[in-house]
N, C-alpha and C. Protein backbone atom coordinates (compact mmCIF):
# COMPACT_ATOMS: atom_id res chain seq x y z
N MET A 1 63.59 81.83 121.71
CA MET A 1 62.71 80.68 120.33
C MET A 1 63.95 81.21 119.31
N PRO A 2 64.93 80.16 118.72
CA PRO A 2 65.91 80.54 117.83
C PRO A 2 64.97 80.98 115.95
N ARG A 3 65.94 81.81 115.33
CA ARG A 3 65.34 81.82 114.28
C ARG A 3 65.60 80.51 112.94
N SER A 4 64.18 80.30 112.38
CA SER A 4 64.82 79.83 111.28
C SER A 4 65.53 80.10 110.34
N ASN A 5 66.03 79.56 109.24
CA ASN A 5 66.41 80.27 108.51
C ASN A 5 65.80 80.14 107.24
N THR A 6 64.05 79.45 107.05
CA THR A 6 63.53 80.27 105.99
C THR A 6 62.96 81.76 106.33
N SER A 7 62.80 82.69 106.52
CA SER A 7 62.67 84.26 106.86
C SER A 7 63.54 84.70 106.45
N ARG A 8 64.67 84.62 105.86
CA ARG A 8 65.61 85.01 105.07
C ARG A 8 64.62 85.24 103.64
N ALA A 9 65.04 86.90 103.08
CA ALA A 9 64.63 87.06 101.84
C ALA A 9 65.56 86.42 100.64
N ARG A 10 65.49 86.07 99.98
CA ARG A 10 66.24 85.92 98.73
C ARG A 10 66.69 87.09 97.75
N VAL A 11 67.62 87.10 97.31
CA VAL A 11 68.30 87.87 96.61
C VAL A 11 68.42 87.76 94.97
N LYS A 12 67.69 88.26 94.49
CA LYS A 12 68.11 87.97 93.11
C LYS A 12 69.22 88.12 92.10
N LYS A 13 69.25 87.51 91.47
CA LYS A 13 70.77 87.84 90.45
C LYS A 13 70.56 88.21 89.77
N ALA A 14 71.70 89.27 89.24
CA ALA A 14 71.59 90.28 88.08
C ALA A 14 71.76 89.39 86.75
N PRO A 15 71.55 89.35 85.56
CA PRO A 15 71.94 88.35 84.39
C PRO A 15 73.17 88.98 83.99
N ARG A 16 73.85 87.97 83.77
CA ARG A 16 75.27 87.62 83.31
C ARG A 16 75.35 88.87 82.16
N ARG A 17 76.37 89.32 81.43
CA ARG A 17 76.33 90.36 80.37
C ARG A 17 77.25 88.74 79.64
N SER A 18 76.78 89.19 78.36
CA SER A 18 77.60 88.68 77.49
C SER A 18 78.47 89.50 76.74
N THR A 19 79.94 88.61 76.60
CA THR A 19 80.81 88.59 75.76
C THR A 19 81.23 88.63 74.47
N SER A 20 80.78 88.28 74.00
CA SER A 20 79.60 87.99 72.32
C SER A 20 80.21 88.77 71.73
N HIS A 21 80.02 90.14 71.61
CA HIS A 21 79.68 91.05 70.99
C HIS A 21 80.70 91.91 71.16
N LEU A 22 82.00 91.24 71.61
CA LEU A 22 83.48 91.98 71.32
C LEU A 22 84.21 91.27 70.06
N SER A 23 83.64 90.83 69.83
CA SER A 23 84.01 89.82 68.43
C SER A 23 83.32 89.75 67.54
N LYS A 24 82.78 90.32 66.99
CA LYS A 24 81.78 90.29 65.47
C LYS A 24 81.95 92.07 65.38
N GLY A 25 82.81 92.42 65.44
CA GLY A 25 83.59 93.24 64.25
C GLY A 25 83.78 94.30 64.88
N HIS A 26 83.77 94.46 66.02
CA HIS A 26 84.38 96.13 67.27
C HIS A 26 85.51 95.93 67.44
N ALA A 27 85.70 96.83 67.42
CA ALA A 27 87.83 96.95 67.90
C ALA A 27 88.06 97.06 69.15
N VAL A 28 88.82 95.70 69.31
CA VAL A 28 88.94 95.35 70.52
C VAL A 28 90.96 96.14 70.50
N ALA A 29 91.09 96.49 71.85
CA ALA A 29 92.57 96.96 71.37
C ALA A 29 93.52 96.01 72.14
N GLU A 30 94.30 95.82 71.12
CA GLU A 30 95.84 94.69 71.09
C GLU A 30 96.92 95.10 72.24
N LYS A 31 97.48 93.74 72.38
CA LYS A 31 98.88 94.77 72.95
C LYS A 31 99.74 94.63 72.60
N GLU A 32 100.71 95.95 72.73
CA GLU A 32 102.07 96.39 72.00
C GLU A 32 102.46 95.10 72.03
N GLN A 33 103.41 95.39 70.86
CA GLN A 33 104.44 94.14 69.93
C GLN A 33 105.59 94.38 71.12
N LYS A 34 106.11 93.41 71.77
CA LYS A 34 107.32 93.03 72.43
C LYS A 34 108.60 92.78 71.51
N ILE A 35 109.77 93.35 72.01
CA ILE A 35 111.29 93.40 71.08
C ILE A 35 112.07 92.14 71.65
N GLU A 36 112.00 90.99 71.20
CA GLU A 36 112.40 89.73 71.74
C GLU A 36 113.87 89.87 71.43
N LEU A 37 115.40 89.77 72.35
CA LEU A 37 116.21 89.82 72.15
C LEU A 37 117.21 89.45 72.90
N ASP A 38 118.16 88.19 72.36
CA ASP A 38 119.37 87.48 73.43
C ASP A 38 120.38 88.17 73.66
N GLY A 39 120.75 87.66 74.70
CA GLY A 39 121.68 88.77 75.69
C GLY A 39 122.86 87.79 76.76
N GLU A 40 123.62 88.41 77.19
CA GLU A 40 124.58 87.13 78.40
C GLU A 40 124.92 88.31 79.15
N VAL A 41 124.36 87.71 80.81
CA VAL A 41 124.24 88.26 81.72
C VAL A 41 125.68 88.66 82.25
N VAL A 42 126.02 90.13 81.95
CA VAL A 42 126.84 90.46 82.91
C VAL A 42 127.30 90.40 83.80
N GLU A 43 126.36 91.47 84.56
CA GLU A 43 126.21 91.28 85.92
C GLU A 43 125.15 91.25 86.96
N ALA A 44 125.23 90.63 88.36
CA ALA A 44 123.90 90.75 88.94
C ALA A 44 123.79 91.57 90.00
N LEU A 45 122.46 92.22 89.91
CA LEU A 45 122.42 93.97 90.55
C LEU A 45 121.71 93.77 91.83
N ARG A 46 121.35 94.38 92.49
CA ARG A 46 120.49 94.36 93.85
C ARG A 46 118.82 94.42 93.42
N ASN A 47 117.96 93.75 94.04
CA ASN A 47 116.97 93.38 93.80
C ASN A 47 116.42 92.99 92.30
N GLY A 48 117.13 91.90 92.44
CA GLY A 48 116.62 91.12 91.36
C GLY A 48 117.28 91.79 90.14
N TYR A 49 117.65 92.84 89.49
CA TYR A 49 118.06 93.11 88.42
C TYR A 49 119.67 92.88 87.81
N PHE A 50 119.56 92.66 86.43
CA PHE A 50 120.79 92.54 85.64
C PHE A 50 120.73 93.25 85.11
N ARG A 51 122.76 93.51 84.70
CA ARG A 51 123.28 94.24 83.32
C ARG A 51 123.27 93.04 82.39
N ILE A 52 122.87 93.02 81.39
CA ILE A 52 122.80 92.46 80.31
C ILE A 52 123.06 93.05 79.11
N ALA A 53 124.35 92.21 78.49
CA ALA A 53 125.18 92.38 77.19
C ALA A 53 124.03 92.23 76.38
N LEU A 54 123.52 93.19 75.24
CA LEU A 54 122.40 92.26 73.95
C LEU A 54 123.83 92.66 72.70
N GLU A 55 122.88 91.06 72.48
CA GLU A 55 123.83 91.33 70.97
C GLU A 55 123.75 92.43 69.93
N GLY A 56 124.61 93.15 69.29
CA GLY A 56 125.02 94.35 68.88
C GLY A 56 125.83 95.07 69.34
N GLY A 57 125.85 94.71 70.54
CA GLY A 57 127.00 95.43 71.69
C GLY A 57 126.54 96.54 72.57
N HIS A 58 124.77 96.69 72.60
CA HIS A 58 124.23 97.41 73.43
C HIS A 58 124.14 96.74 74.76
N GLU A 59 124.27 97.55 75.97
CA GLU A 59 123.78 97.28 77.34
C GLU A 59 122.63 97.58 77.89
N THR A 60 121.82 96.45 78.72
CA THR A 60 120.29 97.27 79.47
C THR A 60 120.18 96.55 80.54
N LEU A 61 118.86 97.04 81.71
CA LEU A 61 118.87 96.10 82.65
C LEU A 61 117.98 95.32 82.77
N GLY A 62 118.23 94.11 83.19
CA GLY A 62 117.03 93.01 82.62
C GLY A 62 116.01 92.65 84.80
N TYR A 63 115.04 92.30 84.69
CA TYR A 63 114.93 92.01 85.48
C TYR A 63 113.80 90.61 85.42
N THR A 64 114.01 89.45 86.34
CA THR A 64 113.27 88.13 86.46
C THR A 64 111.83 88.50 85.76
N ALA A 65 110.90 87.26 84.74
CA ALA A 65 110.12 87.65 84.99
C ALA A 65 109.30 86.49 85.81
N GLY A 66 107.98 86.94 86.18
CA GLY A 66 107.42 86.35 87.76
C GLY A 66 107.11 85.43 87.73
N LYS A 67 106.82 84.62 86.76
CA LYS A 67 106.96 82.82 85.94
C LYS A 67 108.31 82.35 86.62
N MET A 68 109.54 82.84 86.34
CA MET A 68 110.64 82.32 86.56
C MET A 68 111.67 82.88 88.11
N ARG A 69 110.34 83.55 89.04
CA ARG A 69 110.55 83.81 90.41
C ARG A 69 110.03 82.48 91.05
N ARG A 70 108.65 82.49 90.20
CA ARG A 70 107.84 81.30 90.67
C ARG A 70 108.69 80.05 90.55
N TYR A 71 109.10 79.79 89.23
CA TYR A 71 109.77 78.23 89.73
C TYR A 71 111.37 78.05 89.69
N ARG A 72 111.20 79.25 90.42
CA ARG A 72 112.97 79.49 91.16
C ARG A 72 113.65 79.13 89.84
N ILE A 73 113.94 79.67 88.72
CA ILE A 73 114.82 79.61 88.11
C ILE A 73 116.12 80.27 88.61
N ARG A 74 117.18 79.93 88.63
CA ARG A 74 118.28 80.71 88.81
C ARG A 74 119.47 81.53 87.93
N ILE A 75 119.76 82.69 87.68
CA ILE A 75 120.39 83.39 86.36
C ILE A 75 121.10 83.51 87.11
N PHE A 76 122.82 83.69 86.26
CA PHE A 76 124.11 83.95 87.07
C PHE A 76 124.73 84.73 85.71
N PRO A 77 125.32 85.04 86.22
CA PRO A 77 126.27 85.96 85.39
C PRO A 77 127.38 85.35 84.32
N GLY A 78 127.29 85.35 83.18
CA GLY A 78 127.70 84.28 82.12
C GLY A 78 126.51 83.74 81.31
N ASP A 79 125.67 83.69 81.99
CA ASP A 79 124.04 83.16 81.62
C ASP A 79 123.79 83.66 80.02
N ARG A 80 123.50 82.79 78.79
CA ARG A 80 122.18 82.90 78.10
C ARG A 80 121.26 83.44 77.72
N VAL A 81 120.27 84.50 77.78
CA VAL A 81 118.93 84.54 78.31
C VAL A 81 118.35 85.22 77.11
N LYS A 82 116.76 85.38 77.13
CA LYS A 82 116.19 85.86 76.09
C LYS A 82 115.78 87.48 76.65
N ILE A 83 115.72 88.21 76.57
CA ILE A 83 114.92 89.62 76.81
C ILE A 83 114.20 90.57 76.27
N GLU A 84 112.62 90.73 76.78
CA GLU A 84 111.86 90.86 76.41
C GLU A 84 111.38 92.70 76.54
N LEU A 85 111.26 92.96 75.86
CA LEU A 85 111.86 95.24 76.27
C LEU A 85 110.20 95.99 75.18
N SER A 86 109.66 96.70 75.59
CA SER A 86 109.11 97.28 75.34
C SER A 86 109.38 98.41 73.92
N PRO A 87 108.61 98.84 73.08
CA PRO A 87 109.15 99.92 72.53
C PRO A 87 108.82 100.84 72.62
N TYR A 88 108.35 100.93 74.26
CA TYR A 88 108.51 102.69 74.93
C TYR A 88 109.88 102.55 75.26
N ASP A 89 110.18 101.45 76.01
CA ASP A 89 111.60 101.91 77.04
C ASP A 89 112.48 100.89 76.56
N LEU A 90 113.64 101.39 76.25
CA LEU A 90 114.83 100.18 75.81
C LEU A 90 115.91 99.67 76.34
N ASN A 91 115.65 101.42 77.66
CA ASN A 91 115.96 100.70 78.85
C ASN A 91 116.68 99.40 79.23
N ARG A 92 114.99 99.19 79.99
CA ARG A 92 114.74 98.26 81.34
C ARG A 92 114.12 96.96 79.87
N GLY A 93 114.13 95.94 80.45
CA GLY A 93 113.10 94.64 79.94
C GLY A 93 112.95 93.59 80.92
N ARG A 94 112.17 92.77 80.91
CA ARG A 94 112.05 91.49 81.36
C ARG A 94 112.84 89.86 80.27
N ILE A 95 113.27 89.34 81.33
CA ILE A 95 114.05 87.96 81.23
C ILE A 95 113.19 86.84 81.05
N VAL A 96 112.54 86.64 80.25
CA VAL A 96 111.94 85.60 79.76
C VAL A 96 112.63 84.43 80.16
N TYR A 97 113.32 83.65 79.35
CA TYR A 97 114.17 82.50 79.16
C TYR A 97 115.46 82.48 79.55
N ARG A 98 115.64 81.41 80.45
CA ARG A 98 117.55 81.50 80.39
C ARG A 98 117.62 80.16 79.22
N TYR A 99 118.98 80.46 78.69
CA TYR A 99 119.03 78.97 77.92
C TYR A 99 120.03 78.29 78.72
N LYS A 100 120.07 76.92 77.71
CA LYS A 100 120.29 75.72 78.84
C LYS A 100 121.72 75.44 78.54
């Protein structure tokens, strides 16, 4: 004889936690500030990395941001780009915009 679905025990869901306590004066960790600079792509390297000459004479390595990869925005040597650097590592950055 087949079993009916009515014999299953019901599972009680746990109450949801409120996130309203985060905005009531409690300290919330802020994201670190990024440094945005303009530069020109000098050379395309392996694995999606690029050598970028920044304004001011410095050179750094850059990789394409995930959204640029997702929408297949191509970057070639000679392109002007905006690069985002972390204050902790100024040798590598993320290319966030290609100027037209």
